[in-house]
Amino acid sequence: MISVVLAARRRGAALRACLEALVPQVEAVGGELIVVIAGGVQDDGVPEPAPGAVVVHADRDALVPSLWGMGIPRARFGWIALTSTDCLPAGDWVAAIVRATRAEPSCAAFGGPIDPPPHGRPADWGLYFARFHAFLSPPGEGAEAGLPGENSAYRRYALERAWTDGGDGFWEAFVNRRLAELGETLRARPDLRVRMAAGNRLADRFRERFRHGRHFGSRRTVRGSLESSIRIASTPLLPLLLSVRAARRVARRRPGLLPRFLVTLPWVLLLLGAWSLGEAAGYADQRNRMRIPANVTPSRGR
């Protein structure tokens, strides 16, 4: 049996499309659907999920990893699948996950590719190349530690071993790395498919990329304030380095998309720049924490 956790930062049409895709699939396999919605209960544009779905409301500003972090503990079944309203699952997505779990029950996690938006503005394509280029189809062969959160499924037992900081949300990069360190197998499968949704607002995505980068920088292992300062100084190079990496991956896996990548490169660089600024801020957060002795309580004033 499988629990599907849908993180819904986008409401309205995006949430409705995901529910229309997921509800019949979950019902067909006798699973459960958990929908975690960013925004108050009274928000407009929130369609009613299926009667049996679990609905959780979070703060409007909650990021997708925080929404997953709220939904995962409510899951009842042995496998937990994750996606978000940033993507639209294929019509057989849940069935493909079930097939994978039956074919390789000892695997800790499965993931699949994220396809580009069928129609989209430059901001949509810029976001796709900046955020999802590592998950172009076809996915990597064999064991794969870089499974995307928006297209993944985890065995509960393995997840409980690796995900030890539930209060911080579910950040798949750190969890996947921990699973690999524990000797668990993570598998990429081409039949697990989702497609990135269009209609993204550049300003919203810029702020979101900054916040994701800041979290990454604050959580990354840094050995002392000197290394933190070096990392901060090097972050201006990240947009160029990451865009070159993305271009190479596009050219290798989907060369037909390379002209689109070049046309939308300004948007790619802008969003990668937001991540880089956030990562620098995260390193600064770490450095500031290092300067406060553990046995000192900050003064509250007189």
C-alpha atoms as a PDB file:
ATOM      1  CA  MET A   1       0.000   0.000   0.000  1.00  0.00           C
ATOM      2  CA  ILE A   2       1.133   3.533  -0.717  1.00  0.00           C
ATOM      3  CA  SER A   3       0.612   7.010   0.733  1.00  0.00           C
ATOM      4  CA  VAL A   4       0.952   9.976  -1.638  1.00  0.00           C
ATOM      5  CA  VAL A   5       1.923  13.335  -0.136  1.00  0.00           C
ATOM      6  CA  LEU A   6       1.103  16.318  -2.365  1.00  0.00           C
ATOM      7  CA  ALA A   7       2.764  19.611  -1.361  1.00  0.00           C
ATOM      8  CA  ALA A   8       0.575  22.448  -2.630  1.00  0.00           C
ATOM      9  CA  ARG A   9       2.265  25.837  -2.663  1.00  0.00           C
ATOM     10  CA  ARG A  10       0.348  26.663  -5.828  1.00  0.00           C
ATOM     11  CA  ARG A  11      -3.417  26.620  -5.513  1.00  0.00           C
ATOM     12  CA  GLY A  12      -6.212  27.197  -8.009  1.00  0.00           C
ATOM     13  CA  ALA A  13      -5.775  25.532 -11.395  1.00  0.00           C
ATOM     14  CA  ALA A  14      -2.409  23.946 -10.501  1.00  0.00           C
ATOM     15  CA  LEU A  15      -3.820  22.198  -7.440  1.00  0.00           C
ATOM     16  CA  ARG A  16      -6.986  21.190  -9.278  1.00  0.00           C
ATOM     17  CA  ALA A  17      -4.980  19.589 -12.112  1.00  0.00           C
ATOM     18  CA  CYS A  18      -2.869  17.594  -9.640  1.00  0.00           C
ATOM     19  CA  LEU A  19      -5.931  16.365  -7.771  1.00  0.00           C
ATOM     20  CA  GLU A  20      -7.654  15.338 -10.997  1.00  0.00           C
ATOM     21  CA  ALA A  21      -4.538  13.342 -11.922  1.00  0.00           C
ATOM     22  CA  LEU A  22      -3.873  11.792  -8.523  1.00  0.00           C
ATOM     23  CA  VAL A  23      -7.249  11.001  -6.970  1.00  0.00           C
ATOM     24  CA  PRO A  24      -8.297   8.220  -9.399  1.00  0.00           C
ATOM     25  CA  GLN A  25      -4.780   6.741  -9.367  1.00  0.00           C
ATOM     26  CA  VAL A  26      -4.624   6.584  -5.573  1.00  0.00           C
ATOM     27  CA  GLU A  27      -8.122   5.124  -5.366  1.00  0.00           C
ATOM     28  CA  ALA A  28      -7.248   2.473  -7.962  1.00  0.00           C
ATOM     29  CA  VAL A  29      -4.483   1.024  -5.780  1.00  0.00           C
ATOM     30  CA  GLY A  30      -6.288   1.447  -2.454  1.00  0.00           C
ATOM     31  CA  GLY A  31      -3.800   4.028  -1.205  1.00  0.00           C
ATOM     32  CA  GLU A  32      -4.225   7.325   0.585  1.00  0.00           C
ATOM     33  CA  LEU A  33      -3.732  10.932  -0.509  1.00  0.00           C
ATOM     34  CA  ILE A  34      -2.388  13.581   1.867  1.00  0.00           C
ATOM     35  CA  VAL A  35      -2.649  17.169   0.598  1.00  0.00           C
ATOM     36  CA  VAL A  36      -0.659  19.817   2.486  1.00  0.00           C
ATOM     37  CA  ILE A  37      -1.717  23.293   1.367  1.00  0.00           C
ATOM     38  CA  ALA A  38       0.301  26.469   1.936  1.00  0.00           C
ATOM     39  CA  GLY A  39      -2.090  29.214   2.959  1.00  0.00           C
ATOM     40  CA  GLY A  40      -4.956  29.717   5.352  1.00  0.00           C
ATOM     41  CA  VAL A  41      -8.100  27.647   5.411  1.00  0.00           C
ATOM     42  CA  GLN A  42     -10.094  30.579   4.030  1.00  0.00           C
ATOM     43  CA  ASP A  43      -7.936  31.065   0.924  1.00  0.00           C
ATOM     44  CA  ASP A  44      -9.702  31.236  -2.408  1.00  0.00           C
ATOM     45  CA  GLY A  45      -8.800  28.832  -5.175  1.00  0.00           C
ATOM     46  CA  VAL A  46      -8.555  25.711  -3.009  1.00  0.00           C
ATOM     47  CA  PRO A  47     -10.620  22.919  -4.607  1.00  0.00           C
ATOM     48  CA  GLU A  48     -12.096  20.156  -2.495  1.00  0.00           C
ATOM     49  CA  PRO A  49      -9.959  16.990  -2.659  1.00  0.00           C
ATOM     50  CA  ALA A  50     -11.498  13.525  -2.667  1.00  0.00           C
ATOM     51  CA  PRO A  51     -13.640  12.707   0.393  1.00  0.00           C
ATOM     52  CA  GLY A  52     -11.065  10.264   1.747  1.00  0.00           C
ATOM     53  CA  ALA A  53      -8.067  12.574   1.373  1.00  0.00           C
ATOM     54  CA  VAL A  54      -6.254  13.989   4.389  1.00  0.00           C
ATOM     55  CA  VAL A  55      -5.985  17.787   4.092  1.00  0.00           C
ATOM     56  CA  VAL A  56      -3.465  19.782   6.127  1.00  0.00           C
ATOM     57  CA  HIS A  57      -3.188  23.575   6.064  1.00  0.00           C
ATOM     58  CA  ALA A  58       0.189  25.248   6.560  1.00  0.00           C
ATOM     59  CA  ASP A  59       1.464  28.807   6.697  1.00  0.00           C
ATOM     60  CA  ARG A  60       1.172  30.691   3.443  1.00  0.00           C
ATOM     61  CA  ASP A  61       4.949  31.144   3.241  1.00  0.00           C
ATOM     62  CA  ALA A  62       5.835  27.471   3.852  1.00  0.00           C
ATOM     63  CA  LEU A  63       8.215  26.004   1.283  1.00  0.00           C
ATOM     64  CA  VAL A  64       7.575  22.671  -0.406  1.00  0.00           C
ATOM     65  CA  PRO A  65      10.038  20.749   1.850  1.00  0.00           C
ATOM     66  CA  SER A  66       8.167  22.072   4.886  1.00  0.00           C
ATOM     67  CA  LEU A  67       4.865  20.898   3.415  1.00  0.00           C
ATOM     68  CA  TRP A  68       6.304  17.427   2.793  1.00  0.00           C
ATOM     69  CA  GLY A  69       7.648  17.468   6.331  1.00  0.00           C
ATOM     70  CA  MET A  70       4.128  18.040   7.644  1.00  0.00           C
ATOM     71  CA  GLY A  71       2.554  15.384   5.443  1.00  0.00           C
ATOM     72  CA  ILE A  72       4.996  12.480   5.793  1.00  0.00           C
ATOM     73  CA  PRO A  73       4.315  11.817   9.510  1.00  0.00           C
ATOM     74  CA  ARG A  74       0.596  11.483   8.696  1.00  0.00           C
ATOM     75  CA  ALA A  75       1.216   8.701   6.149  1.00  0.00           C
ATOM     76  CA  ARG A  76      -0.050   5.273   7.218  1.00  0.00           C
ATOM     77  CA  PHE A  77       1.400   2.926   4.608  1.00  0.00           C
ATOM     78  CA  GLY A  78       4.763   1.284   3.983  1.00  0.00           C
ATOM     79  CA  TRP A  79       5.660   3.344   0.919  1.00  0.00           C
ATOM     80  CA  ILE A  80       5.433   7.153   0.783  1.00  0.00           C
ATOM     81  CA  ALA A  81       5.392   8.939  -2.568  1.00  0.00           C
ATOM     82  CA  LEU A  82       6.073  12.668  -2.909  1.00  0.00           C
ATOM     83  CA  THR A  83       5.192  15.290  -5.473  1.00  0.00           C
ATOM     84  CA  SER A  84       4.076  18.919  -5.563  1.00  0.00           C
ATOM     85  CA  THR A  85       1.860  21.274  -7.516  1.00  0.00           C
ATOM     86  CA  ASP A  86       4.981  22.417  -9.383  1.00  0.00           C
ATOM     87  CA  CYS A  87       4.600  19.214 -11.420  1.00  0.00           C
ATOM     88  CA  LEU A  88       1.814  17.161 -12.976  1.00  0.00           C
ATOM     89  CA  PRO A  89       2.112  13.370 -12.581  1.00  0.00           C
ATOM     90  CA  ALA A  90       1.578  11.091 -15.558  1.00  0.00           C
ATOM     91  CA  GLY A  91      -1.629   9.090 -15.731  1.00  0.00           C
ATOM     92  CA  ASP A  92       0.098   5.899 -14.524  1.00  0.00           C
ATOM     93  CA  TRP A  93       2.468   7.514 -12.013  1.00  0.00           C
ATOM     94  CA  VAL A  94       1.116   5.774  -8.905  1.00  0.00           C
ATOM     95  CA  ALA A  95       0.836   2.431 -10.737  1.00  0.00           C
ATOM     96  CA  ALA A  96       4.454   2.778 -11.892  1.00  0.00           C
ATOM     97  CA  ILE A  97       5.585   3.342  -8.299  1.00  0.00           C
ATOM     98  CA  VAL A  98       3.672   0.260  -7.157  1.00  0.00           C
ATOM     99  CA  ARG A  99       5.305  -1.795  -9.934  1.00  0.00           C
ATOM    100  CA  ALA A 100       8.727  -0.547  -8.854  1.00  0.00           C
ATOM    101  CA  THR A 101       8.178  -1.442  -5.201  1.00  0.00           C
ATOM    102  CA  ARG A 102       7.080  -4.952  -6.154  1.00  0.00           C
ATOM    103  CA  ALA A 103       9.956  -5.476  -8.570  1.00  0.00           C
ATOM    104  CA  GLU A 104      12.638  -4.278  -6.133  1.00  0.00           C
ATOM    105  CA  PRO A 105      11.176  -4.329  -2.613  1.00  0.00           C
ATOM    106  CA  SER A 106      14.591  -3.993  -0.979  1.00  0.00           C
ATOM    107  CA  CYS A 107      15.250  -0.567  -2.518  1.00  0.00           C
ATOM    108  CA  ALA A 108      14.967   2.383  -0.164  1.00  0.00           C
ATOM    109  CA  ALA A 109      13.685   4.850  -2.733  1.00  0.00           C
ATOM    110  CA  PHE A 110      12.718   5.314  -6.350  1.00  0.00           C
ATOM    111  CA  GLY A 111      12.641   8.389  -8.522  1.00  0.00           C
ATOM    112  CA  GLY A 112      12.151   9.331 -12.125  1.00  0.00           C
ATOM    113  CA  PRO A 113      12.640  12.123 -14.640  1.00  0.00           C
ATOM    114  CA  ILE A 114      10.946  15.506 -14.639  1.00  0.00           C
ATOM    115  CA  ASP A 115       9.898  16.501 -18.135  1.00  0.00           C
ATOM    116  CA  PRO A 116       9.819  20.154 -19.253  1.00  0.00           C
ATOM    117  CA  PRO A 117       6.569  22.129 -19.513  1.00  0.00           C
ATOM    118  CA  PRO A 118       4.784  21.451 -22.820  1.00  0.00           C
ATOM    119  CA  HIS A 119       4.112  25.160 -23.233  1.00  0.00           C
ATOM    120  CA  GLY A 120       5.759  27.841 -21.205  1.00  0.00           C
ATOM    121  CA  ARG A 121       7.121  31.334 -21.018  1.00  0.00           C
ATOM    122  CA  PRO A 122      10.836  32.065 -20.674  1.00  0.00           C
ATOM    123  CA  ALA A 123      10.426  32.165 -16.877  1.00  0.00           C
ATOM    124  CA  ASP A 124       9.050  28.615 -16.935  1.00  0.00           C
ATOM    125  CA  TRP A 125      11.897  27.288 -19.040  1.00  0.00           C
ATOM    126  CA  GLY A 126      14.454  29.247 -17.037  1.00  0.00           C
ATOM    127  CA  LEU A 127      13.132  27.633 -13.865  1.00  0.00           C
ATOM    128  CA  TYR A 128      13.165  24.207 -15.488  1.00  0.00           C
ATOM    129  CA  PHE A 129      16.809  24.433 -16.529  1.00  0.00           C
ATOM    130  CA  ALA A 130      17.888  26.052 -13.249  1.00  0.00           C
ATOM    131  CA  ARG A 131      16.044  23.649 -10.979  1.00  0.00           C
ATOM    132  CA  PHE A 132      15.357  20.377 -12.785  1.00  0.00           C
ATOM    133  CA  HIS A 133      18.109  19.938 -15.381  1.00  0.00           C
ATOM    134  CA  ALA A 134      19.608  17.105 -13.314  1.00  0.00           C
ATOM    135  CA  PHE A 135      16.404  15.105 -13.842  1.00  0.00           C
ATOM    136  CA  LEU A 136      16.143  15.266 -17.601  1.00  0.00           C
ATOM    137  CA  SER A 137      14.937  12.141 -19.332  1.00  0.00           C
ATOM    138  CA  PRO A 138      16.469   9.620 -19.635  1.00  0.00           C
ATOM    139  CA  PRO A 139      17.460   9.403 -15.957  1.00  0.00           C
ATOM    140  CA  GLY A 140      20.771   8.075 -14.730  1.00  0.00           C
ATOM    141  CA  GLU A 141      21.283   4.345 -14.816  1.00  0.00           C
ATOM    142  CA  GLY A 142      21.264   2.131 -11.725  1.00  0.00           C
ATOM    143  CA  ALA A 143      21.756   3.496  -8.224  1.00  0.00           C
ATOM    144  CA  GLU A 144      21.026   7.212  -8.132  1.00  0.00           C
ATOM    145  CA  ALA A 145      21.347   9.382  -5.009  1.00  0.00           C
ATOM    146  CA  GLY A 146      19.980  12.514  -6.711  1.00  0.00           C
ATOM    147  CA  LEU A 147      16.310  11.576  -6.866  1.00  0.00           C
ATOM    148  CA  PRO A 148      13.982  14.571  -7.234  1.00  0.00           C
ATOM    149  CA  GLY A 149      11.572  15.240  -4.396  1.00  0.00           C
ATOM    150  CA  GLU A 150       8.767  15.994  -6.857  1.00  0.00           C
ATOM    151  CA  ASN A 151       8.996  12.511  -8.364  1.00  0.00           C
ATOM    152  CA  SER A 152      10.013  10.063  -5.660  1.00  0.00           C
ATOM    153  CA  ALA A 153       8.830   7.279  -3.366  1.00  0.00           C
ATOM    154  CA  TYR A 154      10.466   6.087  -0.135  1.00  0.00           C
ATOM    155  CA  ARG A 155      10.178   2.901   1.867  1.00  0.00           C
ATOM    156  CA  ARG A 156       8.963   3.975   5.308  1.00  0.00           C
ATOM    157  CA  TYR A 157      11.512   1.956   7.289  1.00  0.00           C
ATOM    158  CA  ALA A 158      14.476   3.369   5.374  1.00  0.00           C
ATOM    159  CA  LEU A 159      13.060   6.884   5.530  1.00  0.00           C
ATOM    160  CA  GLU A 160      12.723   6.725   9.300  1.00  0.00           C
ATOM    161  CA  ARG A 161      16.416   5.799   9.554  1.00  0.00           C
ATOM    162  CA  ALA A 162      17.629   8.655   7.372  1.00  0.00           C
ATOM    163  CA  TRP A 163      15.201  11.484   8.057  1.00  0.00           C
ATOM    164  CA  THR A 164      16.099  12.459  11.603  1.00  0.00           C
ATOM    165  CA  ASP A 165      15.346  16.187  11.488  1.00  0.00           C
ATOM    166  CA  GLY A 166      11.631  16.194  10.789  1.00  0.00           C
ATOM    167  CA  GLY A 167      11.093  19.626  12.320  1.00  0.00           C
ATOM    168  CA  ASP A 168      13.224  21.180   9.578  1.00  0.00           C
ATOM    169  CA  GLY A 169      11.096  19.815   6.741  1.00  0.00           C
ATOM    170  CA  PHE A 170      11.932  17.114   4.209  1.00  0.00           C
ATOM    171  CA  TRP A 171      14.927  18.209   2.104  1.00  0.00           C
ATOM    172  CA  GLU A 172      15.502  15.312  -0.245  1.00  0.00           C
ATOM    173  CA  ALA A 173      19.154  16.063  -1.084  1.00  0.00           C
ATOM    174  CA  PHE A 174      20.215  15.594   2.532  1.00  0.00           C
ATOM    175  CA  VAL A 175      17.968  12.575   3.073  1.00  0.00           C
ATOM    176  CA  ASN A 176      19.149  10.882  -0.116  1.00  0.00           C
ATOM    177  CA  ARG A 177      22.762  11.430   0.864  1.00  0.00           C
ATOM    178  CA  ARG A 178      22.120   9.933   4.285  1.00  0.00           C
ATOM    179  CA  LEU A 179      20.404   6.906   2.753  1.00  0.00           C
ATOM    180  CA  ALA A 180      23.418   6.313   0.532  1.00  0.00           C
ATOM    181  CA  GLU A 181      25.725   6.592   3.551  1.00  0.00           C
ATOM    182  CA  LEU A 182      23.625   3.959   5.317  1.00  0.00           C
ATOM    183  CA  GLY A 183      24.168   1.589   2.389  1.00  0.00           C
ATOM    184  CA  GLU A 184      20.622   1.806   1.073  1.00  0.00           C
ATOM    185  CA  THR A 185      19.857   1.534  -2.641  1.00  0.00           C
ATOM    186  CA  LEU A 186      18.186   4.424  -4.459  1.00  0.00           C
ATOM    187  CA  ARG A 187      16.951   3.636  -7.947  1.00  0.00           C
ATOM    188  CA  ALA A 188      16.083   5.861 -10.901  1.00  0.00           C
ATOM    189  CA  ARG A 189      13.335   4.466 -13.127  1.00  0.00           C
ATOM    190  CA  PRO A 190      12.301   5.956 -16.476  1.00  0.00           C
ATOM    191  CA  ASP A 191       8.664   4.869 -16.102  1.00  0.00           C
ATOM    192  CA  LEU A 192       8.052   7.202 -13.152  1.00  0.00           C
ATOM    193  CA  ARG A 193       7.171  10.407 -14.966  1.00  0.00           C
ATOM    194  CA  VAL A 194       6.011  13.868 -14.015  1.00  0.00           C
ATOM    195  CA  ARG A 195       6.001  17.095 -16.018  1.00  0.00           C
ATOM    196  CA  MET A 196       6.851  20.534 -14.687  1.00  0.00           C
ATOM    197  CA  ALA A 197       3.879  22.898 -14.645  1.00  0.00           C
ATOM    198  CA  ALA A 198       3.970  26.230 -16.466  1.00  0.00           C
ATOM    199  CA  GLY A 199       2.599  29.572 -15.284  1.00  0.00           C
ATOM    200  CA  ASN A 200       5.442  30.479 -12.911  1.00  0.00           C
ATOM    201  CA  ARG A 201       5.983  34.049 -11.742  1.00  0.00           C
ATOM    202  CA  LEU A 202       9.624  35.051 -11.921  1.00  0.00           C
ATOM    203  CA  ALA A 203       9.599  37.233  -8.786  1.00  0.00           C
ATOM    204  CA  ASP A 204       8.048  34.455  -6.703  1.00  0.00           C
ATOM    205  CA  ARG A 205      10.519  31.910  -7.988  1.00  0.00           C
ATOM    206  CA  PHE A 206      13.454  34.254  -7.386  1.00  0.00           C
ATOM    207  CA  ARG A 207      12.504  34.574  -3.723  1.00  0.00           C
ATOM    208  CA  GLU A 208      11.904  30.837  -3.452  1.00  0.00           C
ATOM    209  CA  ARG A 209      15.275  29.955  -4.988  1.00  0.00           C
ATOM    210  CA  PHE A 210      16.955  32.350  -2.557  1.00  0.00           C
ATOM    211  CA  ARG A 211      15.301  30.651   0.407  1.00  0.00           C
ATOM    212  CA  HIS A 212      16.225  27.175  -0.841  1.00  0.00           C
ATOM    213  CA  GLY A 213      19.835  28.263  -1.383  1.00  0.00           C
ATOM    214  CA  ARG A 214      19.981  29.799   2.088  1.00  0.00           C
ATOM    215  CA  HIS A 215      18.777  26.579   3.670  1.00  0.00           C
ATOM    216  CA  PHE A 216      21.351  24.577   1.700  1.00  0.00           C
ATOM    217  CA  GLY A 217      24.171  26.886   2.751  1.00  0.00           C
ATOM    218  CA  SER A 218      23.121  26.843   6.393  1.00  0.00           C
ATOM    219  CA  ARG A 219      22.995  23.027   6.459  1.00  0.00           C
ATOM    220  CA  ARG A 220      26.114  22.236   4.428  1.00  0.00           C
ATOM    221  CA  THR A 221      29.089  21.021   6.445  1.00  0.00           C
ATOM    222  CA  VAL A 222      31.555  23.863   6.980  1.00  0.00           C
ATOM    223  CA  ARG A 223      34.724  23.434   9.052  1.00  0.00           C
ATOM    224  CA  GLY A 224      35.193  26.755  10.783  1.00  0.00           C
ATOM    225  CA  SER A 225      34.630  30.406   9.960  1.00  0.00           C
ATOM    226  CA  LEU A 226      37.563  30.544   7.499  1.00  0.00           C
ATOM    227  CA  GLU A 227      36.008  27.921   5.231  1.00  0.00           C
ATOM    228  CA  SER A 228      32.676  29.696   5.577  1.00  0.00           C
ATOM    229  CA  SER A 229      34.280  32.968   4.416  1.00  0.00           C
ATOM    230  CA  ILE A 230      35.920  31.214   1.455  1.00  0.00           C
ATOM    231  CA  ARG A 231      32.612  29.693   0.422  1.00  0.00           C
ATOM    232  CA  ILE A 232      30.870  33.063   0.676  1.00  0.00           C
ATOM    233  CA  ALA A 233      33.569  34.650  -1.498  1.00  0.00           C
ATOM    234  CA  SER A 234      33.202  31.908  -4.134  1.00  0.00           C
ATOM    235  CA  THR A 235      29.409  32.028  -4.490  1.00  0.00           C
ATOM    236  CA  PRO A 236      29.461  34.766  -7.219  1.00  0.00           C
ATOM    237  CA  LEU A 237      30.994  32.113  -9.488  1.00  0.00           C
ATOM    238  CA  LEU A 238      28.159  29.649  -8.928  1.00  0.00           C
ATOM    239  CA  PRO A 239      25.682  30.939 -11.556  1.00  0.00           C
ATOM    240  CA  LEU A 240      28.288  30.562 -14.308  1.00  0.00           C
ATOM    241  CA  LEU A 241      29.537  27.166 -13.089  1.00  0.00           C
ATOM    242  CA  LEU A 242      26.031  25.773 -12.583  1.00  0.00           C
ATOM    243  CA  SER A 243      24.809  27.049 -15.950  1.00  0.00           C
ATOM    244  CA  VAL A 244      27.769  25.378 -17.692  1.00  0.00           C
ATOM    245  CA  ARG A 245      26.953  22.137 -15.890  1.00  0.00           C
ATOM    246  CA  ALA A 246      23.311  22.444 -16.941  1.00  0.00           C
ATOM    247  CA  ALA A 247      24.265  23.149 -20.573  1.00  0.00           C
ATOM    248  CA  ARG A 248      26.483  20.053 -20.681  1.00  0.00           C
ATOM    249  CA  ARG A 249      23.757  17.868 -19.241  1.00  0.00           C
ATOM    250  CA  VAL A 250      21.167  19.215 -21.703  1.00  0.00           C
ATOM    251  CA  ALA A 251      23.559  18.689 -24.618  1.00  0.00           C
ATOM    252  CA  ARG A 252      24.241  15.107 -23.519  1.00  0.00           C
ATOM    253  CA  ARG A 253      20.721  13.950 -22.656  1.00  0.00           C
ATOM    254  CA  ARG A 254      18.373  16.174 -24.685  1.00  0.00           C
ATOM    255  CA  PRO A 255      20.358  18.013 -27.363  1.00  0.00           C
ATOM    256  CA  GLY A 256      17.130  19.144 -28.997  1.00  0.00           C
ATOM    257  CA  LEU A 257      16.522  21.406 -25.976  1.00  0.00           C
ATOM    258  CA  LEU A 258      19.882  23.178 -26.224  1.00  0.00           C
ATOM    259  CA  PRO A 259      18.563  26.077 -28.392  1.00  0.00           C
ATOM    260  CA  ARG A 260      15.789  26.631 -25.848  1.00  0.00           C
ATOM    261  CA  PHE A 261      18.380  26.630 -23.063  1.00  0.00           C
ATOM    262  CA  LEU A 262      20.480  29.273 -24.834  1.00  0.00           C
ATOM    263  CA  VAL A 263      17.440  31.499 -25.471  1.00  0.00           C
ATOM    264  CA  THR A 264      16.373  31.372 -21.838  1.00  0.00           C
ATOM    265  CA  LEU A 265      19.898  31.631 -20.405  1.00  0.00           C
ATOM    266  CA  PRO A 266      19.274  35.109 -18.885  1.00  0.00           C
ATOM    267  CA  TRP A 267      16.403  33.674 -16.822  1.00  0.00           C
ATOM    268  CA  VAL A 268      18.511  30.648 -15.897  1.00  0.00           C
ATOM    269  CA  LEU A 269      21.340  32.885 -14.679  1.00  0.00           C
ATOM    270  CA  LEU A 270      18.939  35.080 -12.728  1.00  0.00           C
ATOM    271  CA  LEU A 271      17.437  32.131 -10.859  1.00  0.00           C
ATOM    272  CA  LEU A 272      20.834  30.530 -10.274  1.00  0.00           C
ATOM    273  CA  GLY A 273      21.972  33.912  -8.973  1.00  0.00           C
ATOM    274  CA  ALA A 274      19.108  33.881  -6.477  1.00  0.00           C
ATOM    275  CA  TRP A 275      20.219  30.451  -5.263  1.00  0.00           C
ATOM    276  CA  SER A 276      23.829  31.651  -4.999  1.00  0.00           C
ATOM    277  CA  LEU A 277      22.857  34.717  -2.956  1.00  0.00           C
ATOM    278  CA  GLY A 278      20.860  32.469  -0.669  1.00  0.00           C
ATOM    279  CA  GLU A 279      23.717  29.990  -0.317  1.00  0.00           C
ATOM    280  CA  ALA A 280      26.060  32.829   0.672  1.00  0.00           C
ATOM    281  CA  ALA A 281      23.529  33.993   3.257  1.00  0.00           C
ATOM    282  CA  GLY A 282      23.345  30.443   4.617  1.00  0.00           C
ATOM    283  CA  TYR A 283      27.116  30.282   5.039  1.00  0.00           C
ATOM    284  CA  ALA A 284      26.984  33.648   6.794  1.00  0.00           C
ATOM    285  CA  ASP A 285      24.339  32.252   9.127  1.00  0.00           C
ATOM    286  CA  GLN A 286      26.693  29.395  10.001  1.00  0.00           C
ATOM    287  CA  ARG A 287      29.603  31.765  10.567  1.00  0.00           C
ATOM    288  CA  ASN A 288      27.524  33.953  12.858  1.00  0.00           C
ATOM    289  CA  ARG A 289      26.520  30.919  14.909  1.00  0.00           C
ATOM    290  CA  MET A 290      30.170  29.900  15.234  1.00  0.00           C
ATOM    291  CA  ARG A 291      30.997  33.267  16.793  1.00  0.00           C
ATOM    292  CA  ILE A 292      28.601  32.719  19.715  1.00  0.00           C
ATOM    293  CA  PRO A 293      30.129  30.448  22.393  1.00  0.00           C
ATOM    294  CA  ALA A 294      27.864  27.537  23.260  1.00  0.00           C
ATOM    295  CA  ASN A 295      27.923  28.386  26.997  1.00  0.00           C
ATOM    296  CA  VAL A 296      26.903  32.017  26.554  1.00  0.00           C
ATOM    297  CA  THR A 297      23.293  33.129  26.723  1.00  0.00           C
ATOM    298  CA  PRO A 298      22.654  36.234  24.597  1.00  0.00           C
ATOM    299  CA  SER A 299      21.789  39.242  26.706  1.00  0.00           C
ATOM    300  CA  ARG A 300      18.196  40.444  26.663  1.00  0.00           C
ATOM    301  CA  GLY A 301      19.207  43.878  27.878  1.00  0.00           C
ATOM    302  CA  ARG A 302      18.277  45.555  31.168  1.00  0.00           C
END
